[in-house]
Amino acid sequence: MSDKVFYYGRNIINSDIFQKMNKFMQHRQTTTMEHSVNVAEKALDFVERHHIKCDEESLVIGCLLHAFF
């Protein structure tokens, strides 16, 4: 997990309910938690590579919660 994803999402990542997402599979080979973290990392990489200005904290939070159920 990248430092930025952890920094911006630490309250979510450290929560008990988010940690439970590590028990559910997403896309057959990864957990829902891993998937959400990967989406956040890819999103940050995308905005950085394309020089897109955005609220990175909101981006990470949205990514982490997009598969929350």
C-alpha atoms as a PDB file:
ATOM      1  CA  MET A   1       0.000   0.000   0.000  1.00  0.00           C
ATOM      2  CA  SER A   2       1.386   3.375  -0.952  1.00  0.00           C
ATOM      3  CA  ASP A   3       2.111   5.980   1.694  1.00  0.00           C
ATOM      4  CA  LYS A   4      -0.420   8.395   0.159  1.00  0.00           C
ATOM      5  CA  VAL A   5      -3.233   5.863   0.173  1.00  0.00           C
ATOM      6  CA  PHE A   6      -2.548   5.036   3.809  1.00  0.00           C
ATOM      7  CA  TYR A   7      -2.152   8.701   4.801  1.00  0.00           C
ATOM      8  CA  TYR A   8      -5.412   9.826   3.211  1.00  0.00           C
ATOM      9  CA  GLY A   9      -7.371   6.680   4.015  1.00  0.00           C
ATOM     10  CA  ARG A  10      -5.926   5.653   7.360  1.00  0.00           C
ATOM     11  CA  ASN A  11      -9.161   6.208   9.305  1.00  0.00           C
ATOM     12  CA  ILE A  12     -11.065   3.994   6.893  1.00  0.00           C
ATOM     13  CA  ILE A  13      -8.275   1.440   6.462  1.00  0.00           C
ATOM     14  CA  ASN A  14      -7.818   1.028  10.212  1.00  0.00           C
ATOM     15  CA  SER A  15     -11.546   0.637  10.893  1.00  0.00           C
ATOM     16  CA  ASP A  16     -12.816  -2.775  11.935  1.00  0.00           C
ATOM     17  CA  ILE A  17     -15.521  -2.788   9.284  1.00  0.00           C
ATOM     18  CA  PHE A  18     -13.075  -2.043   6.445  1.00  0.00           C
ATOM     19  CA  GLN A  19     -10.742  -4.756   7.733  1.00  0.00           C
ATOM     20  CA  LYS A  20     -13.629  -7.228   7.445  1.00  0.00           C
ATOM     21  CA  MET A  21     -13.588  -6.577   3.678  1.00  0.00           C
ATOM     22  CA  ASN A  22     -10.377  -8.614   3.652  1.00  0.00           C
ATOM     23  CA  LYS A  23     -12.554 -11.726   4.110  1.00  0.00           C
ATOM     24  CA  PHE A  24     -14.625 -11.207   0.950  1.00  0.00           C
ATOM     25  CA  MET A  25     -13.379 -12.059  -2.523  1.00  0.00           C
ATOM     26  CA  GLN A  26     -13.612  -9.632  -5.432  1.00  0.00           C
ATOM     27  CA  HIS A  27     -12.709 -10.597  -8.999  1.00  0.00           C
ATOM     28  CA  ARG A  28     -11.836 -14.153  -7.908  1.00  0.00           C
ATOM     29  CA  GLN A  29      -8.214 -13.615  -6.850  1.00  0.00           C
ATOM     30  CA  THR A  30      -8.251 -10.590  -4.596  1.00  0.00           C
ATOM     31  CA  THR A  31     -10.189  -9.509  -1.555  1.00  0.00           C
ATOM     32  CA  THR A  32     -12.568  -6.584  -1.633  1.00  0.00           C
ATOM     33  CA  MET A  33     -10.161  -4.687   0.612  1.00  0.00           C
ATOM     34  CA  GLU A  34      -7.183  -5.345  -1.675  1.00  0.00           C
ATOM     35  CA  HIS A  35      -9.286  -4.388  -4.690  1.00  0.00           C
ATOM     36  CA  SER A  36     -10.321  -1.072  -3.142  1.00  0.00           C
ATOM     37  CA  VAL A  37      -6.735  -0.227  -2.161  1.00  0.00           C
ATOM     38  CA  ASN A  38      -5.567  -1.103  -5.691  1.00  0.00           C
ATOM     39  CA  VAL A  39      -8.221   1.176  -7.185  1.00  0.00           C
ATOM     40  CA  ALA A  40      -7.017   4.029  -4.949  1.00  0.00           C
ATOM     41  CA  GLU A  41      -3.397   3.471  -5.952  1.00  0.00           C
ATOM     42  CA  LYS A  42      -4.267   3.339  -9.665  1.00  0.00           C
ATOM     43  CA  ALA A  43      -6.394   6.478  -9.386  1.00  0.00           C
ATOM     44  CA  LEU A  44      -3.585   8.435  -7.708  1.00  0.00           C
ATOM     45  CA  ASP A  45      -1.143   7.199 -10.346  1.00  0.00           C
ATOM     46  CA  PHE A  46      -3.531   8.251 -13.115  1.00  0.00           C
ATOM     47  CA  VAL A  47      -4.020  11.814 -11.856  1.00  0.00           C
ATOM     48  CA  GLU A  48      -0.278  12.176 -11.289  1.00  0.00           C
ATOM     49  CA  ARG A  49       0.691  10.895 -14.764  1.00  0.00           C
ATOM     50  CA  HIS A  50      -1.890  13.103 -16.458  1.00  0.00           C
ATOM     51  CA  HIS A  51      -1.201  16.165 -14.275  1.00  0.00           C
ATOM     52  CA  ILE A  52      -4.819  16.342 -13.127  1.00  0.00           C
ATOM     53  CA  LYS A  53      -5.455  18.575 -10.158  1.00  0.00           C
ATOM     54  CA  CYS A  54      -7.889  17.094  -7.684  1.00  0.00           C
ATOM     55  CA  ASP A  55      -8.567  16.643  -4.004  1.00  0.00           C
ATOM     56  CA  GLU A  56      -6.429  13.540  -3.490  1.00  0.00           C
ATOM     57  CA  GLU A  57      -7.919  12.781  -0.096  1.00  0.00           C
ATOM     58  CA  SER A  58     -11.452  12.714  -1.536  1.00  0.00           C
ATOM     59  CA  LEU A  59     -10.238  10.596  -4.439  1.00  0.00           C
ATOM     60  CA  VAL A  60      -8.687   8.009  -2.109  1.00  0.00           C
ATOM     61  CA  ILE A  61     -11.718   7.916   0.188  1.00  0.00           C
ATOM     62  CA  GLY A  62     -14.055   7.431  -2.773  1.00  0.00           C
ATOM     63  CA  CYS A  63     -11.893   4.622  -4.116  1.00  0.00           C
ATOM     64  CA  LEU A  64     -11.663   2.874  -0.772  1.00  0.00           C
ATOM     65  CA  LEU A  65     -15.432   3.005  -0.288  1.00  0.00           C
ATOM     66  CA  HIS A  66     -16.563   2.292  -3.870  1.00  0.00           C
ATOM     67  CA  ALA A  67     -16.956  -1.441  -3.176  1.00  0.00           C
ATOM     68  CA  PHE A  68     -18.093  -1.060   0.419  1.00  0.00           C
ATOM     69  CA  PHE A  69     -21.121  -3.155   1.288  1.00  0.00           C
END
